[in-house]
Amino acid sequence: MEQETYRRMAEIQEKHWWYEARRRIIATLVRKLKLSAGAKILEVGCGPGANLRMLAEFGSVTGMEPDDFSIDHARKISGCPVVKGFLPDNLGVGGPFDLIGAFDVIEHVEPDRESLKTLHDTLRNGGYALFTVPAYMFMWSQHDVVNHHKRRYVLPDSAIF
């Protein structure tokens, strides 16, 4: 993404309705998981860090992010360790993790399947992965272009939850 996008996210991520609603949805989903008290959690592509404090309610959180401005900002506002890393082949952190989250990240990565394999291999056996992605190519817009999305997704009819 563009530097201006990261900076704008840092300005609004604590108060904009969309970020707040997404944090509440993610927290509701994480509460339903059977995480141990000291769960190791990784947020991949944490951006400027708005989700890290929320995730810290559920365990020990590490953020991973490729953008230097976002890394610094995320560290400052969350107090969590944030490492520089890239999907699919340089996470900058080793596992295993009990929970890996990638919230509106995978659509930015050209090798999405390889990235998912890397995350799977970093997950503890029996651990959880939680992802959010934009849906439906027919909804493709200038927003996707500006944010450097590679694709949108559709859940197959055969998906099991």
C-alpha atoms as a PDB file:
ATOM      1  CA  MET A   1       0.000   0.000   0.000  1.00  0.00           C
ATOM      2  CA  GLU A   2       1.011   3.620  -0.332  1.00  0.00           C
ATOM      3  CA  GLN A   3       2.614   5.468   2.596  1.00  0.00           C
ATOM      4  CA  GLU A   4      -0.284   7.909   2.700  1.00  0.00           C
ATOM      5  CA  THR A   5      -2.679   4.991   3.213  1.00  0.00           C
ATOM      6  CA  TYR A   6      -0.736   3.720   6.231  1.00  0.00           C
ATOM      7  CA  ARG A   7      -0.591   7.206   7.728  1.00  0.00           C
ATOM      8  CA  ARG A   8      -4.315   7.763   7.199  1.00  0.00           C
ATOM      9  CA  MET A   9      -5.064   4.384   8.797  1.00  0.00           C
ATOM     10  CA  ALA A  10      -2.967   5.373  11.814  1.00  0.00           C
ATOM     11  CA  GLU A  11      -5.016   8.565  12.182  1.00  0.00           C
ATOM     12  CA  ILE A  12      -8.455   6.963  12.009  1.00  0.00           C
ATOM     13  CA  GLN A  13      -8.071   3.347  13.158  1.00  0.00           C
ATOM     14  CA  GLU A  14      -9.077   4.060  16.754  1.00  0.00           C
ATOM     15  CA  LYS A  15     -12.272   5.973  15.983  1.00  0.00           C
ATOM     16  CA  HIS A  16     -13.571   5.076  12.520  1.00  0.00           C
ATOM     17  CA  TRP A  17     -16.704   2.915  12.661  1.00  0.00           C
ATOM     18  CA  TRP A  18     -15.379   0.348  10.179  1.00  0.00           C
ATOM     19  CA  TYR A  19     -12.207  -0.423  12.171  1.00  0.00           C
ATOM     20  CA  GLU A  20     -14.115  -0.489  15.457  1.00  0.00           C
ATOM     21  CA  ALA A  21     -16.796  -2.811  14.073  1.00  0.00           C
ATOM     22  CA  ARG A  22     -14.201  -5.170  12.614  1.00  0.00           C
ATOM     23  CA  ARG A  23     -12.353  -5.309  15.972  1.00  0.00           C
ATOM     24  CA  ARG A  24     -15.610  -6.179  17.753  1.00  0.00           C
ATOM     25  CA  ILE A  25     -16.402  -8.922  15.241  1.00  0.00           C
ATOM     26  CA  ILE A  26     -12.899 -10.376  15.489  1.00  0.00           C
ATOM     27  CA  ALA A  27     -12.975 -10.263  19.313  1.00  0.00           C
ATOM     28  CA  THR A  28     -16.338 -12.062  19.314  1.00  0.00           C
ATOM     29  CA  LEU A  29     -14.913 -14.804  17.103  1.00  0.00           C
ATOM     30  CA  VAL A  30     -11.711 -15.162  19.141  1.00  0.00           C
ATOM     31  CA  ARG A  31     -13.726 -15.491  22.383  1.00  0.00           C
ATOM     32  CA  LYS A  32     -15.375 -18.578  20.889  1.00  0.00           C
ATOM     33  CA  LEU A  33     -12.030 -20.320  20.346  1.00  0.00           C
ATOM     34  CA  LYS A  34     -10.541 -22.624  22.943  1.00  0.00           C
ATOM     35  CA  LEU A  35      -7.339 -20.664  23.522  1.00  0.00           C
ATOM     36  CA  SER A  36      -5.201 -21.381  26.561  1.00  0.00           C
ATOM     37  CA  ALA A  37      -4.502 -18.557  29.029  1.00  0.00           C
ATOM     38  CA  GLY A  38      -0.986 -17.971  27.666  1.00  0.00           C
ATOM     39  CA  ALA A  39      -1.839 -18.368  24.006  1.00  0.00           C
ATOM     40  CA  LYS A  40       0.761 -17.204  21.484  1.00  0.00           C
ATOM     41  CA  ILE A  41      -0.928 -14.977  18.896  1.00  0.00           C
ATOM     42  CA  LEU A  42       0.473 -13.573  15.655  1.00  0.00           C
ATOM     43  CA  GLU A  43      -1.209 -10.837  13.654  1.00  0.00           C
ATOM     44  CA  VAL A  44       0.195 -10.892  10.136  1.00  0.00           C
ATOM     45  CA  GLY A  45       0.110  -7.540   8.344  1.00  0.00           C
ATOM     46  CA  CYS A  46      -0.854  -5.681  11.507  1.00  0.00           C
ATOM     47  CA  GLY A  47      -0.561  -2.282   9.813  1.00  0.00           C
ATOM     48  CA  PRO A  48      -0.389   0.588  12.289  1.00  0.00           C
ATOM     49  CA  GLY A  49      -1.514  -1.710  15.087  1.00  0.00           C
ATOM     50  CA  ALA A  50      -5.175  -1.105  15.936  1.00  0.00           C
ATOM     51  CA  ASN A  51      -5.945  -4.785  16.553  1.00  0.00           C
ATOM     52  CA  LEU A  52      -2.939  -5.639  18.702  1.00  0.00           C
ATOM     53  CA  ARG A  53      -4.317  -4.368  22.042  1.00  0.00           C
ATOM     54  CA  MET A  54      -7.611  -6.158  21.441  1.00  0.00           C
ATOM     55  CA  LEU A  55      -5.795  -9.409  20.622  1.00  0.00           C
ATOM     56  CA  ALA A  56      -3.636  -9.000  23.751  1.00  0.00           C
ATOM     57  CA  GLU A  57      -6.782  -9.650  25.812  1.00  0.00           C
ATOM     58  CA  PHE A  58      -6.495 -13.271  24.629  1.00  0.00           C
ATOM     59  CA  GLY A  59      -2.772 -13.987  24.990  1.00  0.00           C
ATOM     60  CA  SER A  60       0.755 -12.915  24.143  1.00  0.00           C
ATOM     61  CA  VAL A  61       0.664 -11.033  20.829  1.00  0.00           C
ATOM     62  CA  THR A  62       3.298 -10.400  18.196  1.00  0.00           C
ATOM     63  CA  GLY A  63       2.640  -8.291  15.134  1.00  0.00           C
ATOM     64  CA  MET A  64       4.263  -8.766  11.731  1.00  0.00           C
ATOM     65  CA  GLU A  65       4.294  -5.961   9.174  1.00  0.00           C
ATOM     66  CA  PRO A  66       6.395  -5.010   6.123  1.00  0.00           C
ATOM     67  CA  ASP A  67       5.985  -1.222   6.435  1.00  0.00           C
ATOM     68  CA  ASP A  68       8.456   0.651   8.676  1.00  0.00           C
ATOM     69  CA  PHE A  69       6.110   3.527   9.604  1.00  0.00           C
ATOM     70  CA  SER A  70       3.410   1.035  10.598  1.00  0.00           C
ATOM     71  CA  ILE A  71       5.844  -1.046  12.633  1.00  0.00           C
ATOM     72  CA  ASP A  72       6.904   1.974  14.685  1.00  0.00           C
ATOM     73  CA  HIS A  73       3.348   3.213  15.146  1.00  0.00           C
ATOM     74  CA  ALA A  74       2.045  -0.255  16.107  1.00  0.00           C
ATOM     75  CA  ARG A  75       4.781  -0.691  18.710  1.00  0.00           C
ATOM     76  CA  LYS A  76       4.044   2.721  20.240  1.00  0.00           C
ATOM     77  CA  ILE A  77       0.288   2.334  20.574  1.00  0.00           C
ATOM     78  CA  SER A  78       0.174  -1.344  21.569  1.00  0.00           C
ATOM     79  CA  GLY A  79       3.300  -2.095  23.586  1.00  0.00           C
ATOM     80  CA  CYS A  80       3.476  -5.382  21.669  1.00  0.00           C
ATOM     81  CA  PRO A  81       6.518  -6.613  19.786  1.00  0.00           C
ATOM     82  CA  VAL A  82       6.156  -5.979  16.057  1.00  0.00           C
ATOM     83  CA  VAL A  83       8.643  -7.486  13.604  1.00  0.00           C
ATOM     84  CA  LYS A  84       9.384  -6.686   9.990  1.00  0.00           C
ATOM     85  CA  GLY A  85       8.254  -9.525   7.771  1.00  0.00           C
ATOM     86  CA  PHE A  86       6.826 -10.437   4.411  1.00  0.00           C
ATOM     87  CA  LEU A  87       4.564 -13.147   3.043  1.00  0.00           C
ATOM     88  CA  PRO A  88       5.125 -15.796   1.955  1.00  0.00           C
ATOM     89  CA  ASP A  89       8.746 -16.490   2.772  1.00  0.00           C
ATOM     90  CA  ASN A  90      10.022 -14.143   5.478  1.00  0.00           C
ATOM     91  CA  LEU A  91       7.661 -13.776   8.419  1.00  0.00           C
ATOM     92  CA  GLY A  92      10.467 -12.467  10.608  1.00  0.00           C
ATOM     93  CA  VAL A  93       9.181 -14.612  13.471  1.00  0.00           C
ATOM     94  CA  GLY A  94       9.050 -18.307  14.247  1.00  0.00           C
ATOM     95  CA  GLY A  95       6.178 -20.328  15.598  1.00  0.00           C
ATOM     96  CA  PRO A  96       4.361 -22.200  16.571  1.00  0.00           C
ATOM     97  CA  PHE A  97       1.427 -19.925  17.307  1.00  0.00           C
ATOM     98  CA  ASP A  98      -1.912 -20.863  18.850  1.00  0.00           C
ATOM     99  CA  LEU A  99      -3.722 -18.252  16.755  1.00  0.00           C
ATOM    100  CA  ILE A 100      -2.696 -16.487  13.566  1.00  0.00           C
ATOM    101  CA  GLY A 101      -4.795 -13.623  12.288  1.00  0.00           C
ATOM    102  CA  ALA A 102      -4.528 -11.858   8.936  1.00  0.00           C
ATOM    103  CA  PHE A 103      -7.208  -9.197   8.675  1.00  0.00           C
ATOM    104  CA  ASP A 104      -7.578  -7.799   5.172  1.00  0.00           C
ATOM    105  CA  VAL A 105      -4.061  -8.893   4.234  1.00  0.00           C
ATOM    106  CA  ILE A 106      -4.123 -11.952   1.965  1.00  0.00           C
ATOM    107  CA  GLU A 107      -5.725 -10.031  -0.917  1.00  0.00           C
ATOM    108  CA  HIS A 108      -2.589  -7.858  -1.058  1.00  0.00           C
ATOM    109  CA  VAL A 109      -0.212 -10.774  -1.643  1.00  0.00           C
ATOM    110  CA  GLU A 110       0.271 -12.181  -5.133  1.00  0.00           C
ATOM    111  CA  PRO A 111       1.243 -15.695  -3.962  1.00  0.00           C
ATOM    112  CA  ASP A 112      -1.808 -16.153  -1.711  1.00  0.00           C
ATOM    113  CA  ARG A 113      -1.752 -19.956  -1.618  1.00  0.00           C
ATOM    114  CA  GLU A 114       1.944 -20.057  -0.763  1.00  0.00           C
ATOM    115  CA  SER A 115       1.312 -17.461   1.948  1.00  0.00           C
ATOM    116  CA  LEU A 116      -1.465 -19.560   3.455  1.00  0.00           C
ATOM    117  CA  LYS A 117       0.850 -22.599   3.432  1.00  0.00           C
ATOM    118  CA  THR A 118       3.515 -20.576   5.278  1.00  0.00           C
ATOM    119  CA  LEU A 119       0.969 -19.497   7.886  1.00  0.00           C
ATOM    120  CA  HIS A 120      -0.293 -23.070   8.237  1.00  0.00           C
ATOM    121  CA  ASP A 121       3.267 -24.264   8.842  1.00  0.00           C
ATOM    122  CA  THR A 122       3.703 -21.577  11.530  1.00  0.00           C
ATOM    123  CA  LEU A 123       0.538 -22.625  13.359  1.00  0.00           C
ATOM    124  CA  ARG A 124       0.608 -24.996  16.319  1.00  0.00           C
ATOM    125  CA  ASN A 125      -0.979 -28.369  15.596  1.00  0.00           C
ATOM    126  CA  GLY A 126      -4.611 -27.823  16.567  1.00  0.00           C
ATOM    127  CA  GLY A 127      -4.195 -24.040  16.477  1.00  0.00           C
ATOM    128  CA  TYR A 128      -6.523 -21.536  14.861  1.00  0.00           C
ATOM    129  CA  ALA A 129      -6.252 -19.238  11.862  1.00  0.00           C
ATOM    130  CA  LEU A 130      -8.631 -16.320  11.413  1.00  0.00           C
ATOM    131  CA  PHE A 131      -8.669 -14.296   8.201  1.00  0.00           C
ATOM    132  CA  THR A 132     -10.797 -11.543   6.761  1.00  0.00           C
ATOM    133  CA  VAL A 133     -10.751 -10.751   3.043  1.00  0.00           C
ATOM    134  CA  PRO A 134     -12.905  -8.719   0.659  1.00  0.00           C
ATOM    135  CA  ALA A 135     -15.555 -10.712  -1.173  1.00  0.00           C
ATOM    136  CA  TYR A 136     -16.835 -10.969  -4.733  1.00  0.00           C
ATOM    137  CA  MET A 137     -14.982  -9.756  -7.784  1.00  0.00           C
ATOM    138  CA  PHE A 138     -18.171  -8.099  -9.041  1.00  0.00           C
ATOM    139  CA  MET A 139     -17.650  -5.605  -6.196  1.00  0.00           C
ATOM    140  CA  TRP A 140     -14.171  -4.668  -7.464  1.00  0.00           C
ATOM    141  CA  SER A 141     -13.769  -0.895  -7.382  1.00  0.00           C
ATOM    142  CA  GLN A 142     -11.252   1.916  -7.370  1.00  0.00           C
ATOM    143  CA  HIS A 143     -10.841   1.219  -3.639  1.00  0.00           C
ATOM    144  CA  ASP A 144      -9.287  -2.155  -4.527  1.00  0.00           C
ATOM    145  CA  VAL A 145      -6.977  -0.530  -7.066  1.00  0.00           C
ATOM    146  CA  VAL A 146      -5.834   2.236  -4.702  1.00  0.00           C
ATOM    147  CA  ASN A 147      -5.194  -0.296  -1.928  1.00  0.00           C
ATOM    148  CA  HIS A 148      -3.221  -2.614  -4.233  1.00  0.00           C
ATOM    149  CA  HIS A 149      -5.553  -5.585  -3.913  1.00  0.00           C
ATOM    150  CA  LYS A 150      -4.758  -8.532  -6.166  1.00  0.00           C
ATOM    151  CA  ARG A 151      -8.176 -10.197  -5.914  1.00  0.00           C
ATOM    152  CA  ARG A 152     -11.405 -10.641  -3.969  1.00  0.00           C
ATOM    153  CA  TYR A 153     -12.635 -14.021  -2.715  1.00  0.00           C
ATOM    154  CA  VAL A 154     -15.721 -16.204  -2.790  1.00  0.00           C
ATOM    155  CA  LEU A 155     -16.356 -18.937  -0.258  1.00  0.00           C
ATOM    156  CA  PRO A 156     -16.927 -22.235  -2.089  1.00  0.00           C
ATOM    157  CA  ASP A 157     -20.226 -24.024  -1.500  1.00  0.00           C
ATOM    158  CA  SER A 158     -18.273 -26.942  -0.047  1.00  0.00           C
ATOM    159  CA  ALA A 159     -16.665 -24.865   2.726  1.00  0.00           C
ATOM    160  CA  ILE A 160     -16.985 -26.275   6.236  1.00  0.00           C
ATOM    161  CA  PHE A 161     -16.808 -24.220   9.404  1.00  0.00           C
END
